[in-house]
Amino acid sequence: MATVTSAHGITVGYAEQGSGTPVVLLPGSAVDHTIFVPGGQFDTFAQHFRVIALDWRGTGESSRDEAPYTAADLEADVLGVLDTLGIDRAHLVGMSQGSTIAQRIAAHHPDRVDRLVLYSTWGHTDSYLRGMFTFWEHLYRTTDPQVYGEATLWFLLSREFLNADPDAVQAIAKASFASETAATRHAQIQAARINAVHDNRDLLAKIGAPTLVLAGSEDRTIPAEYSEQVARTIPGAEIRVLEGPGASHALFLERADEVNDATLAFLRADN
């Protein structure tokens, strides 16, 4: 692990492995870089690329203060890491909220993005999605981390996974939401607020980077139709919707081999 501290005093943690063209992995809401370990993205991609995986604010080695922040701040955090590492241009792979920050970077800084891969993505939060994020914020404010962790996992994981091993789900909730190293309550609330006002509709058509969108037909958090809309709006974007068991919001974990193969094939297309 390493860290970068911005001029504003914000520390951003990241892990780095491999060599070659940089690939930046951006996690989902209020989680750190280790989310890319169980599904093998970090190790698998590092066999072909220089992989940098970030910790969002309030997670991992990043700052854990109680100040509010926005999507623009998270965008600046990513660019700050790239600048410190001397990376002018990179592939971006974003998961869920990480995909929305990747959208912003690709639109605002096209010279910094080579190829773009978006997992379980959406272009803007409508009333339907806003209701879910408002519910999540209420959970994060009023319940214990173990409780809101298990509730959140109901949205993220497939029915098959939840039914197969309830004890494992409880363990994941403890590790990801209720442990000393888990994201702070403040980070969870900030993530829910950022997601609730997310609107990149004016930016998507400006993205010129070759883009791959991966979605799951069984995603209860961000239904695949939202990812399909993103792919239709980004010029020339490709989309693949995984079908069947495990095609959840967490498809990069439950269907890791397919997701990793598709991502590598896309990122290596010019090689």
C-alpha atoms as a PDB file:
ATOM      1  CA  MET A   1       0.000   0.000   0.000  1.00  0.00           C
ATOM      2  CA  ALA A   2       0.983   3.596  -0.648  1.00  0.00           C
ATOM      3  CA  THR A   3      -0.665   6.970  -0.203  1.00  0.00           C
ATOM      4  CA  VAL A   4      -0.850  10.338  -1.917  1.00  0.00           C
ATOM      5  CA  THR A   5      -1.657  13.557  -0.054  1.00  0.00           C
ATOM      6  CA  SER A   6      -3.204  16.426  -1.998  1.00  0.00           C
ATOM      7  CA  ALA A   7      -2.598  20.131  -1.538  1.00  0.00           C
ATOM      8  CA  HIS A   8      -5.891  20.191   0.396  1.00  0.00           C
ATOM      9  CA  GLY A   9      -4.604  17.618   2.859  1.00  0.00           C
ATOM     10  CA  ILE A  10      -6.663  14.678   1.568  1.00  0.00           C
ATOM     11  CA  THR A  11      -4.837  11.356   1.717  1.00  0.00           C
ATOM     12  CA  VAL A  12      -5.716   8.756  -0.934  1.00  0.00           C
ATOM     13  CA  GLY A  13      -4.544   5.187  -0.510  1.00  0.00           C
ATOM     14  CA  TYR A  14      -3.792   2.904  -3.397  1.00  0.00           C
ATOM     15  CA  ALA A  15      -2.221  -0.461  -4.201  1.00  0.00           C
ATOM     16  CA  GLU A  16      -0.029  -1.045  -7.238  1.00  0.00           C
ATOM     17  CA  GLN A  17       1.133  -4.186  -9.023  1.00  0.00           C
ATOM     18  CA  GLY A  18       2.402  -5.183 -12.462  1.00  0.00           C
ATOM     19  CA  SER A  19       3.995  -3.201 -15.260  1.00  0.00           C
ATOM     20  CA  GLY A  20       3.138  -1.748 -18.645  1.00  0.00           C
ATOM     21  CA  THR A  21       0.154   0.367 -19.630  1.00  0.00           C
ATOM     22  CA  PRO A  22      -1.576   1.693 -16.479  1.00  0.00           C
ATOM     23  CA  VAL A  23      -5.015   0.360 -15.541  1.00  0.00           C
ATOM     24  CA  VAL A  24      -6.802   2.197 -12.731  1.00  0.00           C
ATOM     25  CA  LEU A  25      -9.434   0.240 -10.775  1.00  0.00           C
ATOM     26  CA  LEU A  26     -12.149   2.361  -9.157  1.00  0.00           C
ATOM     27  CA  PRO A  27     -14.258   0.534  -6.539  1.00  0.00           C
ATOM     28  CA  GLY A  28     -17.947   0.867  -5.791  1.00  0.00           C
ATOM     29  CA  SER A  29     -19.476   3.002  -3.064  1.00  0.00           C
ATOM     30  CA  ALA A  30     -17.439   3.384   0.121  1.00  0.00           C
ATOM     31  CA  VAL A  31     -15.159   0.390  -0.359  1.00  0.00           C
ATOM     32  CA  ASP A  32     -11.414   0.140  -0.745  1.00  0.00           C
ATOM     33  CA  HIS A  33      -9.157  -1.487  -3.314  1.00  0.00           C
ATOM     34  CA  THR A  34      -9.419  -4.938  -1.708  1.00  0.00           C
ATOM     35  CA  ILE A  35     -12.845  -5.410  -3.310  1.00  0.00           C
ATOM     36  CA  PHE A  36     -10.916  -6.282  -6.486  1.00  0.00           C
ATOM     37  CA  VAL A  37      -9.028  -9.127  -4.777  1.00  0.00           C
ATOM     38  CA  PRO A  38     -11.663 -11.918  -4.311  1.00  0.00           C
ATOM     39  CA  GLY A  39     -12.682 -11.815  -7.992  1.00  0.00           C
ATOM     40  CA  GLY A  40      -9.062 -11.774  -9.123  1.00  0.00           C
ATOM     41  CA  GLN A  41      -9.171  -8.469 -11.008  1.00  0.00           C
ATOM     42  CA  PHE A  42      -6.118  -7.032  -9.248  1.00  0.00           C
ATOM     43  CA  ASP A  43      -3.866 -10.049  -9.748  1.00  0.00           C
ATOM     44  CA  THR A  44      -5.219 -11.071 -13.169  1.00  0.00           C
ATOM     45  CA  PHE A  45      -4.947  -7.658 -14.774  1.00  0.00           C
ATOM     46  CA  ALA A  46      -1.489  -7.144 -13.235  1.00  0.00           C
ATOM     47  CA  GLN A  47      -0.200 -10.025 -15.348  1.00  0.00           C
ATOM     48  CA  HIS A  48      -0.611  -7.757 -18.389  1.00  0.00           C
ATOM     49  CA  PHE A  49      -0.741  -4.172 -17.077  1.00  0.00           C
ATOM     50  CA  ARG A  50       0.445  -1.822 -14.371  1.00  0.00           C
ATOM     51  CA  VAL A  51      -2.587  -1.905 -12.080  1.00  0.00           C
ATOM     52  CA  ILE A  52      -3.402   0.855  -9.598  1.00  0.00           C
ATOM     53  CA  ALA A  53      -6.426   0.253  -7.344  1.00  0.00           C
ATOM     54  CA  LEU A  54      -7.734   3.105  -5.189  1.00  0.00           C
ATOM     55  CA  ASP A  55      -9.271   3.457  -1.735  1.00  0.00           C
ATOM     56  CA  TRP A  56     -12.136   5.958  -1.672  1.00  0.00           C
ATOM     57  CA  ARG A  57     -12.290   8.533   1.107  1.00  0.00           C
ATOM     58  CA  GLY A  58     -13.300   6.990   4.413  1.00  0.00           C
ATOM     59  CA  THR A  59     -11.924   3.573   3.434  1.00  0.00           C
ATOM     60  CA  GLY A  60      -8.606   1.744   3.535  1.00  0.00           C
ATOM     61  CA  GLU A  61      -5.640   4.079   3.844  1.00  0.00           C
ATOM     62  CA  SER A  62      -7.528   7.159   2.638  1.00  0.00           C
ATOM     63  CA  SER A  63      -8.591  10.121   4.772  1.00  0.00           C
ATOM     64  CA  ARG A  64     -11.310   9.391   7.340  1.00  0.00           C
ATOM     65  CA  ASP A  65     -12.329  12.893   8.319  1.00  0.00           C
ATOM     66  CA  GLU A  66     -15.970  13.979   8.657  1.00  0.00           C
ATOM     67  CA  ALA A  67     -16.020  16.721   6.010  1.00  0.00           C
ATOM     68  CA  PRO A  68     -18.635  16.441   3.248  1.00  0.00           C
ATOM     69  CA  TYR A  69     -17.460  15.759  -0.304  1.00  0.00           C
ATOM     70  CA  THR A  70     -18.847  15.386  -3.810  1.00  0.00           C
ATOM     71  CA  ALA A  71     -18.336  13.393  -6.987  1.00  0.00           C
ATOM     72  CA  ALA A  72     -16.086  16.196  -8.220  1.00  0.00           C
ATOM     73  CA  ASP A  73     -13.878  15.685  -5.166  1.00  0.00           C
ATOM     74  CA  LEU A  74     -13.607  11.947  -5.871  1.00  0.00           C
ATOM     75  CA  GLU A  75     -12.731  12.739  -9.482  1.00  0.00           C
ATOM     76  CA  ALA A  76      -9.976  15.063  -8.251  1.00  0.00           C
ATOM     77  CA  ASP A  77      -8.690  12.337  -5.915  1.00  0.00           C
ATOM     78  CA  VAL A  78      -8.218   9.951  -8.849  1.00  0.00           C
ATOM     79  CA  LEU A  79      -6.473  12.565 -10.959  1.00  0.00           C
ATOM     80  CA  GLY A  80      -4.256  13.467  -8.006  1.00  0.00           C
ATOM     81  CA  VAL A  81      -3.010   9.893  -7.768  1.00  0.00           C
ATOM     82  CA  LEU A  82      -2.321   9.790 -11.507  1.00  0.00           C
ATOM     83  CA  ASP A  83      -0.458  13.091 -11.373  1.00  0.00           C
ATOM     84  CA  THR A  84       1.666  12.008  -8.424  1.00  0.00           C
ATOM     85  CA  LEU A  85       2.559   8.749 -10.151  1.00  0.00           C
ATOM     86  CA  GLY A  86       3.422  10.604 -13.362  1.00  0.00           C
ATOM     87  CA  ILE A  87       0.691   8.839 -15.344  1.00  0.00           C
ATOM     88  CA  ASP A  88      -0.527  10.978 -18.226  1.00  0.00           C
ATOM     89  CA  ARG A  89      -2.936   8.420 -19.689  1.00  0.00           C
ATOM     90  CA  ALA A  90      -4.506   5.203 -18.405  1.00  0.00           C
ATOM     91  CA  HIS A  91      -7.276   2.677 -18.889  1.00  0.00           C
ATOM     92  CA  LEU A  92     -10.074   3.158 -16.339  1.00  0.00           C
ATOM     93  CA  VAL A  93     -12.122   0.275 -14.942  1.00  0.00           C
ATOM     94  CA  GLY A  94     -14.938   1.427 -12.674  1.00  0.00           C
ATOM     95  CA  MET A  95     -17.397  -0.575 -10.606  1.00  0.00           C
ATOM     96  CA  SER A  96     -20.818   0.964  -9.767  1.00  0.00           C
ATOM     97  CA  GLN A  97     -20.071   4.359  -8.178  1.00  0.00           C
ATOM     98  CA  GLY A  98     -16.520   3.956  -9.455  1.00  0.00           C
ATOM     99  CA  SER A  99     -17.974   3.756 -12.961  1.00  0.00           C
ATOM    100  CA  THR A 100     -19.750   7.093 -12.493  1.00  0.00           C
ATOM    101  CA  ILE A 101     -16.480   8.762 -11.469  1.00  0.00           C
ATOM    102  CA  ALA A 102     -14.779   7.126 -14.461  1.00  0.00           C
ATOM    103  CA  GLN A 103     -17.468   8.637 -16.696  1.00  0.00           C
ATOM    104  CA  ARG A 104     -16.664  12.093 -15.347  1.00  0.00           C
ATOM    105  CA  ILE A 105     -12.932  11.710 -15.894  1.00  0.00           C
ATOM    106  CA  ALA A 106     -13.394  10.398 -19.447  1.00  0.00           C
ATOM    107  CA  ALA A 107     -15.655  13.331 -20.331  1.00  0.00           C
ATOM    108  CA  HIS A 108     -13.765  16.102 -18.540  1.00  0.00           C
ATOM    109  CA  HIS A 109     -10.230  14.870 -19.273  1.00  0.00           C
ATOM    110  CA  PRO A 110     -10.329  12.863 -22.538  1.00  0.00           C
ATOM    111  CA  ASP A 111      -6.568  13.130 -22.895  1.00  0.00           C
ATOM    112  CA  ARG A 112      -6.120  11.141 -19.659  1.00  0.00           C
ATOM    113  CA  VAL A 113      -8.219   8.089 -20.637  1.00  0.00           C
ATOM    114  CA  ASP A 114      -7.226   5.404 -23.102  1.00  0.00           C
ATOM    115  CA  ARG A 115      -9.986   2.794 -22.736  1.00  0.00           C
ATOM    116  CA  LEU A 116     -12.968   2.769 -20.400  1.00  0.00           C
ATOM    117  CA  VAL A 117     -14.671  -0.242 -18.785  1.00  0.00           C
ATOM    118  CA  LEU A 118     -17.845   0.273 -16.750  1.00  0.00           C
ATOM    119  CA  TYR A 119     -19.310  -2.428 -14.495  1.00  0.00           C
ATOM    120  CA  SER A 120     -22.945  -2.163 -13.299  1.00  0.00           C
ATOM    121  CA  THR A 121     -23.171   1.470 -14.352  1.00  0.00           C
ATOM    122  CA  TRP A 122     -25.845   4.118 -14.772  1.00  0.00           C
ATOM    123  CA  GLY A 123     -25.957   7.568 -16.311  1.00  0.00           C
ATOM    124  CA  HIS A 124     -28.237   9.393 -13.914  1.00  0.00           C
ATOM    125  CA  THR A 125     -30.282   8.742 -10.806  1.00  0.00           C
ATOM    126  CA  ASP A 126     -34.009   8.895 -11.498  1.00  0.00           C
ATOM    127  CA  SER A 127     -36.797   8.823  -8.923  1.00  0.00           C
ATOM    128  CA  TYR A 128     -36.723   5.023  -8.769  1.00  0.00           C
ATOM    129  CA  LEU A 129     -33.018   4.851  -7.919  1.00  0.00           C
ATOM    130  CA  ARG A 130     -33.163   7.904  -5.668  1.00  0.00           C
ATOM    131  CA  GLY A 131     -35.661   6.108  -3.449  1.00  0.00           C
ATOM    132  CA  MET A 132     -33.179   3.265  -2.935  1.00  0.00           C
ATOM    133  CA  PHE A 133     -30.278   5.593  -2.129  1.00  0.00           C
ATOM    134  CA  THR A 134     -32.465   7.570   0.288  1.00  0.00           C
ATOM    135  CA  PHE A 135     -33.368   4.308   2.000  1.00  0.00           C
ATOM    136  CA  TRP A 136     -29.694   3.373   2.202  1.00  0.00           C
ATOM    137  CA  GLU A 137     -28.781   6.712   3.757  1.00  0.00           C
ATOM    138  CA  HIS A 138     -31.486   6.179   6.385  1.00  0.00           C
ATOM    139  CA  LEU A 139     -30.043   2.740   7.177  1.00  0.00           C
ATOM    140  CA  TYR A 140     -26.523   4.120   7.442  1.00  0.00           C
ATOM    141  CA  ARG A 141     -27.702   6.852   9.812  1.00  0.00           C
ATOM    142  CA  THR A 142     -29.933   4.814  12.098  1.00  0.00           C
ATOM    143  CA  THR A 143     -28.735   1.201  12.281  1.00  0.00           C
ATOM    144  CA  ASP A 144     -25.621  -0.640  13.330  1.00  0.00           C
ATOM    145  CA  PRO A 145     -22.964  -1.428  10.681  1.00  0.00           C
ATOM    146  CA  GLN A 146     -23.661  -5.162  10.753  1.00  0.00           C
ATOM    147  CA  VAL A 147     -27.359  -4.505  10.135  1.00  0.00           C
ATOM    148  CA  TYR A 148     -26.875  -2.026   7.310  1.00  0.00           C
ATOM    149  CA  GLY A 149     -24.153  -4.220   5.857  1.00  0.00           C
ATOM    150  CA  GLU A 150     -26.429  -7.238   5.560  1.00  0.00           C
ATOM    151  CA  ALA A 151     -29.224  -5.052   4.189  1.00  0.00           C
ATOM    152  CA  THR A 152     -26.941  -3.566   1.542  1.00  0.00           C
ATOM    153  CA  LEU A 153     -25.678  -6.993   0.520  1.00  0.00           C
ATOM    154  CA  TRP A 154     -29.262  -8.033  -0.222  1.00  0.00           C
ATOM    155  CA  PHE A 155     -29.187  -5.500  -3.056  1.00  0.00           C
ATOM    156  CA  LEU A 156     -25.673  -6.308  -4.247  1.00  0.00           C
ATOM    157  CA  LEU A 157     -25.552 -10.121  -4.276  1.00  0.00           C
ATOM    158  CA  SER A 158     -27.609 -12.642  -6.196  1.00  0.00           C
ATOM    159  CA  ARG A 159     -30.432 -14.691  -4.737  1.00  0.00           C
ATOM    160  CA  GLU A 160     -28.351 -17.818  -5.332  1.00  0.00           C
ATOM    161  CA  PHE A 161     -25.430 -16.447  -3.339  1.00  0.00           C
ATOM    162  CA  LEU A 162     -27.620 -15.203  -0.484  1.00  0.00           C
ATOM    163  CA  ASN A 163     -29.416 -18.550  -0.179  1.00  0.00           C
ATOM    164  CA  ALA A 164     -26.352 -20.750  -0.568  1.00  0.00           C
ATOM    165  CA  ASP A 165     -24.478 -19.600   2.525  1.00  0.00           C
ATOM    166  CA  PRO A 166     -26.147 -17.106   4.885  1.00  0.00           C
ATOM    167  CA  ASP A 167     -23.209 -17.414   7.303  1.00  0.00           C
ATOM    168  CA  ALA A 168     -20.846 -16.267   4.561  1.00  0.00           C
ATOM    169  CA  VAL A 169     -23.065 -13.268   3.897  1.00  0.00           C
ATOM    170  CA  GLN A 170     -22.919 -12.322   7.571  1.00  0.00           C
ATOM    171  CA  ALA A 171     -19.131 -12.669   7.505  1.00  0.00           C
ATOM    172  CA  ILE A 172     -18.879 -10.466   4.410  1.00  0.00           C
ATOM    173  CA  ALA A 173     -21.073  -7.846   6.078  1.00  0.00           C
ATOM    174  CA  LYS A 174     -18.857  -7.875   9.155  1.00  0.00           C
ATOM    175  CA  ALA A 175     -15.631  -7.581   7.156  1.00  0.00           C
ATOM    176  CA  SER A 176     -16.897  -4.991   4.670  1.00  0.00           C
ATOM    177  CA  PHE A 177     -19.158  -2.869   6.867  1.00  0.00           C
ATOM    178  CA  ALA A 178     -18.573  -3.572  10.568  1.00  0.00           C
ATOM    179  CA  SER A 179     -14.854  -4.159  11.015  1.00  0.00           C
ATOM    180  CA  GLU A 180     -12.268  -1.604  12.158  1.00  0.00           C
ATOM    181  CA  THR A 181     -10.944  -1.367   8.603  1.00  0.00           C
ATOM    182  CA  ALA A 182     -14.379  -0.978   6.972  1.00  0.00           C
ATOM    183  CA  ALA A 183     -15.656   2.311   5.613  1.00  0.00           C
ATOM    184  CA  THR A 184     -16.829   4.819   8.181  1.00  0.00           C
ATOM    185  CA  ARG A 185     -20.514   5.560   8.676  1.00  0.00           C
ATOM    186  CA  HIS A 186     -19.770   9.025   7.300  1.00  0.00           C
ATOM    187  CA  ALA A 187     -18.322   7.546   4.093  1.00  0.00           C
ATOM    188  CA  GLN A 188     -21.402   5.367   3.607  1.00  0.00           C
ATOM    189  CA  ILE A 189     -23.686   8.368   4.024  1.00  0.00           C
ATOM    190  CA  GLN A 190     -21.608  10.511   1.656  1.00  0.00           C
ATOM    191  CA  ALA A 191     -21.639   7.749  -0.970  1.00  0.00           C
ATOM    192  CA  ALA A 192     -25.426   7.434  -0.757  1.00  0.00           C
ATOM    193  CA  ARG A 193     -25.801  11.209  -1.121  1.00  0.00           C
ATOM    194  CA  ILE A 194     -23.449  11.363  -4.103  1.00  0.00           C
ATOM    195  CA  ASN A 195     -25.309   8.521  -5.798  1.00  0.00           C
ATOM    196  CA  ALA A 196     -28.680  10.155  -5.101  1.00  0.00           C
ATOM    197  CA  VAL A 197     -27.775  13.262  -7.139  1.00  0.00           C
ATOM    198  CA  HIS A 198     -25.681  11.542  -9.818  1.00  0.00           C
ATOM    199  CA  ASP A 199     -26.440  12.920 -13.283  1.00  0.00           C
ATOM    200  CA  ASN A 200     -23.895  12.536 -16.097  1.00  0.00           C
ATOM    201  CA  ARG A 201     -26.383  12.663 -18.969  1.00  0.00           C
ATOM    202  CA  ASP A 202     -24.742  15.750 -20.461  1.00  0.00           C
ATOM    203  CA  LEU A 203     -21.306  14.147 -20.183  1.00  0.00           C
ATOM    204  CA  LEU A 204     -21.821  10.684 -21.661  1.00  0.00           C
ATOM    205  CA  ALA A 205     -22.088  11.813 -25.278  1.00  0.00           C
ATOM    206  CA  LYS A 206     -18.787  13.674 -24.871  1.00  0.00           C
ATOM    207  CA  ILE A 207     -16.843  10.509 -24.032  1.00  0.00           C
ATOM    208  CA  GLY A 208     -14.536   9.606 -26.900  1.00  0.00           C
ATOM    209  CA  ALA A 209     -12.634   6.728 -25.308  1.00  0.00           C
ATOM    210  CA  PRO A 210     -13.465   3.222 -26.541  1.00  0.00           C
ATOM    211  CA  THR A 211     -15.889   1.930 -23.925  1.00  0.00           C
ATOM    212  CA  LEU A 212     -17.089  -1.469 -22.727  1.00  0.00           C
ATOM    213  CA  VAL A 213     -20.137  -1.733 -20.456  1.00  0.00           C
ATOM    214  CA  LEU A 214     -20.748  -4.936 -18.487  1.00  0.00           C
ATOM    215  CA  ALA A 215     -24.058  -5.492 -16.692  1.00  0.00           C
ATOM    216  CA  GLY A 216     -26.013  -8.294 -15.044  1.00  0.00           C
ATOM    217  CA  SER A 217     -29.544  -9.313 -15.942  1.00  0.00           C
ATOM    218  CA  GLU A 218     -30.296 -10.038 -12.267  1.00  0.00           C
ATOM    219  CA  ASP A 219     -28.924  -6.768 -10.855  1.00  0.00           C
ATOM    220  CA  ARG A 220     -31.397  -5.525  -8.212  1.00  0.00           C
ATOM    221  CA  THR A 221     -29.387  -2.381  -7.472  1.00  0.00           C
ATOM    222  CA  ILE A 222     -28.895  -0.936 -10.952  1.00  0.00           C
ATOM    223  CA  PRO A 223     -31.100  -2.884 -13.391  1.00  0.00           C
ATOM    224  CA  ALA A 224     -29.357  -3.681 -16.666  1.00  0.00           C
ATOM    225  CA  GLU A 225     -31.556  -1.228 -18.573  1.00  0.00           C
ATOM    226  CA  TYR A 226     -29.629   1.632 -16.985  1.00  0.00           C
ATOM    227  CA  SER A 227     -26.316   0.229 -18.222  1.00  0.00           C
ATOM    228  CA  GLU A 228     -27.810  -0.293 -21.669  1.00  0.00           C
ATOM    229  CA  GLN A 229     -28.828   3.369 -21.750  1.00  0.00           C
ATOM    230  CA  VAL A 230     -25.263   4.394 -20.906  1.00  0.00           C
ATOM    231  CA  ALA A 231     -23.929   2.228 -23.732  1.00  0.00           C
ATOM    232  CA  ARG A 232     -26.398   3.749 -26.183  1.00  0.00           C
ATOM    233  CA  THR A 233     -25.339   7.273 -25.201  1.00  0.00           C
ATOM    234  CA  ILE A 234     -21.546   6.886 -25.265  1.00  0.00           C
ATOM    235  CA  PRO A 235     -20.512   6.949 -28.944  1.00  0.00           C
ATOM    236  CA  GLY A 236     -19.443   3.506 -30.168  1.00  0.00           C
ATOM    237  CA  ALA A 237     -19.705   1.846 -26.749  1.00  0.00           C
ATOM    238  CA  GLU A 238     -19.974  -1.925 -26.545  1.00  0.00           C
ATOM    239  CA  ILE A 239     -22.251  -3.647 -24.074  1.00  0.00           C
ATOM    240  CA  ARG A 240     -22.451  -7.162 -22.705  1.00  0.00           C
ATOM    241  CA  VAL A 241     -25.237  -8.219 -20.358  1.00  0.00           C
ATOM    242  CA  LEU A 242     -24.519 -11.404 -18.440  1.00  0.00           C
ATOM    243  CA  GLU A 243     -27.554 -13.639 -17.966  1.00  0.00           C
ATOM    244  CA  GLY A 244     -28.550 -16.150 -15.310  1.00  0.00           C
ATOM    245  CA  PRO A 245     -27.325 -17.047 -11.812  1.00  0.00           C
ATOM    246  CA  GLY A 246     -24.723 -14.703 -10.380  1.00  0.00           C
ATOM    247  CA  ALA A 247     -25.467 -11.923 -12.877  1.00  0.00           C
ATOM    248  CA  SER A 248     -25.902  -9.531  -9.955  1.00  0.00           C
ATOM    249  CA  HIS A 249     -24.679  -6.038  -9.172  1.00  0.00           C
ATOM    250  CA  ALA A 250     -21.556  -7.780  -7.888  1.00  0.00           C
ATOM    251  CA  LEU A 251     -21.066  -9.684 -11.146  1.00  0.00           C
ATOM    252  CA  PHE A 252     -17.337  -8.911 -11.036  1.00  0.00           C
ATOM    253  CA  LEU A 253     -17.242 -11.204  -7.983  1.00  0.00           C
ATOM    254  CA  GLU A 254     -19.935 -13.771  -8.753  1.00  0.00           C
ATOM    255  CA  ARG A 255     -19.108 -14.104 -12.463  1.00  0.00           C
ATOM    256  CA  ALA A 256     -15.477 -13.083 -12.133  1.00  0.00           C
ATOM    257  CA  ASP A 257     -13.956 -15.287 -14.832  1.00  0.00           C
ATOM    258  CA  GLU A 258     -16.306 -13.992 -17.535  1.00  0.00           C
ATOM    259  CA  VAL A 259     -15.931 -10.392 -16.415  1.00  0.00           C
ATOM    260  CA  ASN A 260     -12.140 -10.648 -16.257  1.00  0.00           C
ATOM    261  CA  ASP A 261     -11.887 -12.337 -19.647  1.00  0.00           C
ATOM    262  CA  ALA A 262     -14.121  -9.733 -21.294  1.00  0.00           C
ATOM    263  CA  THR A 263     -12.238  -6.872 -19.657  1.00  0.00           C
ATOM    264  CA  LEU A 264      -8.811  -8.182 -20.650  1.00  0.00           C
ATOM    265  CA  ALA A 265      -9.897  -8.866 -24.221  1.00  0.00           C
ATOM    266  CA  PHE A 266     -11.180  -5.304 -24.505  1.00  0.00           C
ATOM    267  CA  LEU A 267      -8.176  -3.636 -22.889  1.00  0.00           C
ATOM    268  CA  ARG A 268      -5.745  -5.671 -24.975  1.00  0.00           C
ATOM    269  CA  ALA A 269      -7.575  -5.123 -28.265  1.00  0.00           C
ATOM    270  CA  ASP A 270      -4.885  -2.773 -29.562  1.00  0.00           C
ATOM    271  CA  ASN A 271      -2.007  -5.071 -28.559  1.00  0.00           C
END
